[in-house]
Amino acid sequence: MTNIKSICVYCGSSNLVSDEHLAKAHQLGRLAAENGIEIVYGGGRVGSMGRVADGALAHNGTVTGIIPEYLDKLEVAHKDVNELIVVDSMHTRKMAMFERSDAFCILPGGLGTLDEFFEIATWKQLGMHDKPLIIVNLENFWTPLLDLIRHQISAGYLRQNPADIYSVVNNIEEVFTQLKSMPESNIETDIKQL
C-alpha cells in the first residue's frame, strides 16, 4: 500500500440502520487490521462507528478514537480503543482526525458524515492536501449525493473533475484495492492554512 498507515473513517452513529451497513462497517475495520492500517474515527461505540472499531479490535488492529468532551460525557465513547482522545469541540476533533490520517473513507452516514466529507473534499479541491478520499457507495446509498455533485458541475458551480477529488467504490474490498494504487502525497500540509 502506498504509504498509507492510517485511514480516517467517517460514518454514522445510529443503530437504526440496516444490518448490512453495520456488517460492512465491521468488515472495513477487520480489513484495515489485516492490512496493518490504523483506524482513526470519531470515537463512538454505537452504530457504524462502533462496528468499525470493533472489527479492527477483534483482529488485533489499532484504533484511535477522537471524541468531543460533551459526547464523551453522554457515555457514547468507545472505551476499548487503543487510544481515546477527548477534545474540546467538533472543530478540534475534525482537525485531529485530519492530522492523524493518511487517507479518508466515507461510509453511509447522516449530517455529520456529510459535514466531514464536504470539508475534507473542499480542502482537497483547494489544493490544501492530496490525501486519498474514497466514498463507499454501499447499495447506492451515496448516489443522490453523487448526482447532486454532477448537477453542480452542469450548472457551472464546480469546474474540477470529481475524480481529482474523490474515488467511488461499491464495496469494502475495493477501498483497499484503491489505496494500493494511490500515488504518494506531493503536498506538505501546513495545518495552520486549514
Protein backbone atom coordinates (compact mmCIF):
# COMPACT_ATOMS: atom_id res chain seq x y z
CA MET A 1 0.00 0.00 0.00
CA THR A 2 1.33 3.41 -0.93
CA ASN A 3 2.49 4.84 2.37
CA ILE A 4 -0.98 4.50 3.92
CA LYS A 5 -0.56 3.74 7.62
CA SER A 6 -3.86 5.17 8.85
CA ILE A 7 -7.31 5.72 7.44
CA CYS A 8 -9.95 8.06 8.81
CA VAL A 9 -13.44 6.57 8.62
CA TYR A 10 -16.40 8.94 8.53
CA CYS A 11 -19.67 7.13 9.18
CA GLY A 12 -22.93 7.13 11.11
CA SER A 13 -23.54 6.62 14.81
CA SER A 14 -27.08 5.25 14.58
CA ASN A 15 -28.04 1.68 15.42
CA LEU A 16 -31.31 2.10 13.47
CA VAL A 17 -29.66 1.44 10.10
CA SER A 18 -29.56 -1.73 8.03
CA ASP A 19 -27.77 -4.76 9.42
CA GLU A 20 -25.91 -4.93 6.10
CA HIS A 21 -24.38 -1.47 6.63
CA LEU A 22 -23.34 -2.37 10.18
CA ALA A 23 -21.77 -5.60 8.94
CA LYS A 24 -19.87 -3.75 6.21
CA ALA A 25 -18.55 -1.25 8.76
CA HIS A 26 -17.25 -4.19 10.82
CA GLN A 27 -15.67 -5.64 7.68
CA LEU A 28 -13.88 -2.36 6.98
CA GLY A 29 -12.34 -2.45 10.45
CA ARG A 30 -11.29 -6.07 10.00
CA LEU A 31 -9.68 -5.49 6.60
CA ALA A 32 -7.85 -2.43 7.87
CA ALA A 33 -6.40 -4.51 10.70
CA GLU A 34 -5.43 -7.30 8.31
CA ASN A 35 -3.66 -4.74 6.09
CA GLY A 36 -1.84 -3.16 9.04
CA ILE A 37 -3.72 0.14 8.72
CA GLU A 38 -4.76 2.06 11.82
CA ILE A 39 -8.38 3.20 12.07
CA VAL A 40 -8.93 6.84 13.03
CA TYR A 41 -12.56 7.67 13.71
CA GLY A 42 -14.97 9.69 15.82
CA GLY A 43 -14.56 7.61 18.97
CA GLY A 44 -18.13 6.33 19.33
CA ARG A 45 -19.25 2.87 20.40
CA VAL A 46 -22.65 2.88 18.63
CA GLY A 47 -23.76 2.44 15.04
CA SER A 48 -21.30 2.02 12.20
CA MET A 49 -18.70 3.91 14.22
CA GLY A 50 -18.69 1.25 16.91
CA ARG A 51 -18.70 -1.55 14.35
CA VAL A 52 -15.66 -0.20 12.50
CA ALA A 53 -13.74 -0.04 15.77
CA ASP A 54 -14.93 -3.48 16.90
CA GLY A 55 -13.95 -5.02 13.55
CA ALA A 56 -10.42 -3.73 13.82
CA LEU A 57 -10.02 -4.54 17.52
CA ALA A 58 -11.28 -8.10 17.05
CA HIS A 59 -8.42 -8.66 14.60
CA ASN A 60 -5.64 -7.02 16.63
CA GLY A 61 -5.87 -3.73 14.75
CA THR A 62 -5.04 -0.30 16.09
CA VAL A 63 -7.90 2.12 16.65
CA THR A 64 -7.72 5.78 17.62
CA GLY A 65 -10.99 7.44 18.60
CA ILE A 66 -11.31 11.21 18.76
CA ILE A 67 -14.41 12.50 20.52
CA PRO A 68 -15.57 15.89 21.81
CA GLU A 69 -15.88 16.18 25.58
CA TYR A 70 -19.64 16.68 25.56
CA LEU A 71 -20.20 13.43 23.62
CA ASP A 72 -17.84 11.59 25.94
CA LYS A 73 -19.96 12.78 28.87
CA LEU A 74 -23.04 11.24 27.24
CA GLU A 75 -21.23 7.89 27.52
CA VAL A 76 -21.14 7.13 23.82
CA ALA A 77 -17.34 6.86 23.71
CA HIS A 78 -15.76 3.50 22.90
CA LYS A 79 -13.56 2.87 25.94
CA ASP A 80 -11.85 -0.22 24.47
CA VAL A 81 -9.98 1.51 21.64
CA ASN A 82 -6.20 1.70 21.74
CA GLU A 83 -6.26 5.46 22.17
CA LEU A 84 -9.24 7.66 23.02
CA ILE A 85 -8.56 11.36 22.61
CA VAL A 86 -11.11 13.69 24.21
CA VAL A 87 -11.10 17.16 22.65
CA ASP A 88 -12.90 20.43 23.35
CA SER A 89 -15.01 20.77 20.18
CA MET A 90 -16.14 19.27 16.90
CA HIS A 91 -13.72 21.58 15.08
CA THR A 92 -10.79 20.31 17.12
CA ARG A 93 -11.96 16.74 16.54
CA LYS A 94 -12.02 17.15 12.76
CA MET A 95 -8.57 18.73 12.71
CA ALA A 96 -7.11 15.98 14.89
CA MET A 97 -8.66 13.33 12.64
CA PHE A 98 -7.16 15.02 9.60
CA GLU A 99 -3.70 15.27 11.16
CA ARG A 100 -3.61 11.58 12.15
CA SER A 101 -4.85 10.17 8.84
CA ASP A 102 -3.18 9.29 5.54
CA ALA A 103 -6.50 8.65 3.75
CA PHE A 104 -10.25 9.10 4.25
CA CYS A 105 -13.16 6.71 3.77
CA ILE A 106 -16.81 7.75 3.67
CA LEU A 107 -19.32 5.09 4.71
CA PRO A 108 -23.08 5.71 4.84
CA GLY A 109 -24.00 8.25 7.50
CA GLY A 110 -26.02 11.31 8.38
CA LEU A 111 -25.45 15.04 8.53
CA GLY A 112 -22.20 14.74 10.49
CA THR A 113 -20.77 12.39 7.85
CA LEU A 114 -21.80 14.82 5.11
CA ASP A 115 -20.18 17.68 7.01
CA GLU A 116 -16.93 15.76 7.32
CA PHE A 117 -16.99 14.71 3.65
CA PHE A 118 -17.64 18.21 2.36
CA GLU A 119 -14.91 19.74 4.50
CA ILE A 120 -12.22 17.25 3.56
CA ALA A 121 -13.28 17.31 -0.13
CA THR A 122 -13.22 21.12 -0.19
CA TRP A 123 -9.74 21.19 1.33
CA LYS A 124 -8.62 18.78 -1.38
CA GLN A 125 -10.32 20.79 -4.12
CA LEU A 126 -8.45 23.88 -2.92
CA GLY A 127 -5.12 22.02 -3.02
CA MET A 128 -4.63 22.06 0.74
CA HIS A 129 -4.00 18.30 0.80
CA ASP A 130 -3.91 15.41 -1.64
CA LYS A 131 -4.70 12.50 0.65
CA PRO A 132 -6.92 9.79 -0.86
CA LEU A 133 -10.65 10.27 -0.30
CA ILE A 134 -12.87 7.27 -1.01
CA ILE A 135 -16.67 7.22 -0.99
CA VAL A 136 -18.11 3.75 -0.35
CA ASN A 137 -21.44 3.73 -2.20
CA LEU A 138 -22.97 0.71 -0.45
CA GLU A 139 -26.31 -0.24 -2.00
CA ASN A 140 -26.24 3.10 -3.90
CA PHE A 141 -26.56 4.99 -0.62
CA TRP A 142 -24.48 7.92 -1.87
CA THR A 143 -25.92 8.02 -5.43
CA PRO A 144 -28.13 11.05 -4.65
CA LEU A 145 -25.04 12.91 -3.38
CA LEU A 146 -23.06 11.97 -6.49
CA ASP A 147 -26.00 13.13 -8.64
CA LEU A 148 -26.03 16.45 -6.77
CA ILE A 149 -22.33 16.95 -7.46
CA ARG A 150 -22.91 16.20 -11.17
CA HIS A 151 -25.71 18.80 -11.08
CA GLN A 152 -23.30 21.33 -9.57
CA ILE A 153 -20.89 20.65 -12.43
CA SER A 154 -23.56 21.04 -15.11
CA ALA A 155 -24.72 24.30 -13.52
CA GLY A 156 -21.18 25.68 -13.55
CA TYR A 157 -20.59 25.73 -9.80
CA LEU A 158 -17.91 23.05 -9.81
CA ARG A 159 -15.27 23.09 -12.53
CA GLN A 160 -12.92 20.45 -11.18
CA ASN A 161 -13.29 16.84 -12.22
CA PRO A 162 -14.69 14.98 -9.17
CA ALA A 163 -12.27 12.13 -9.93
CA ASP A 164 -9.48 14.52 -8.94
CA ILE A 165 -11.12 14.96 -5.53
CA TYR A 166 -12.50 11.54 -4.62
CA SER A 167 -12.88 7.95 -5.76
CA VAL A 168 -16.12 5.98 -5.59
CA VAL A 169 -16.23 2.26 -4.81
CA ASN A 170 -19.21 -0.03 -4.31
CA ASN A 171 -17.87 -2.44 -1.69
CA ILE A 172 -15.45 -2.59 1.20
CA GLU A 173 -12.80 -4.70 -0.54
CA GLU A 174 -12.41 -2.02 -3.22
CA VAL A 175 -11.32 0.52 -0.60
CA PHE A 176 -8.09 -1.38 -0.08
CA THR A 177 -7.61 -2.04 -3.81
CA GLN A 178 -7.90 1.72 -4.38
CA LEU A 179 -5.43 2.52 -1.62
CA LYS A 180 -2.84 0.19 -3.14
CA SER A 181 -2.92 2.14 -6.40
CA MET A 182 -2.88 5.67 -4.97
CA PRO A 183 0.17 7.84 -5.71
CA GLU A 184 2.20 9.17 -2.80
CA SER A 185 1.25 12.57 -1.42
CA ASN A 186 3.03 15.53 -3.01
CA ILE A 187 1.64 18.24 -0.75
CA GLU A 188 3.33 19.21 2.50
CA THR A 189 0.30 20.21 4.55
CA ASP A 190 0.65 23.24 6.80
CA ILE A 191 -2.09 22.71 9.37
CA LYS A 192 -2.32 26.45 10.00
CA GLN A 193 -3.64 27.02 6.48
CA LEU A 194 -6.53 24.68 7.14
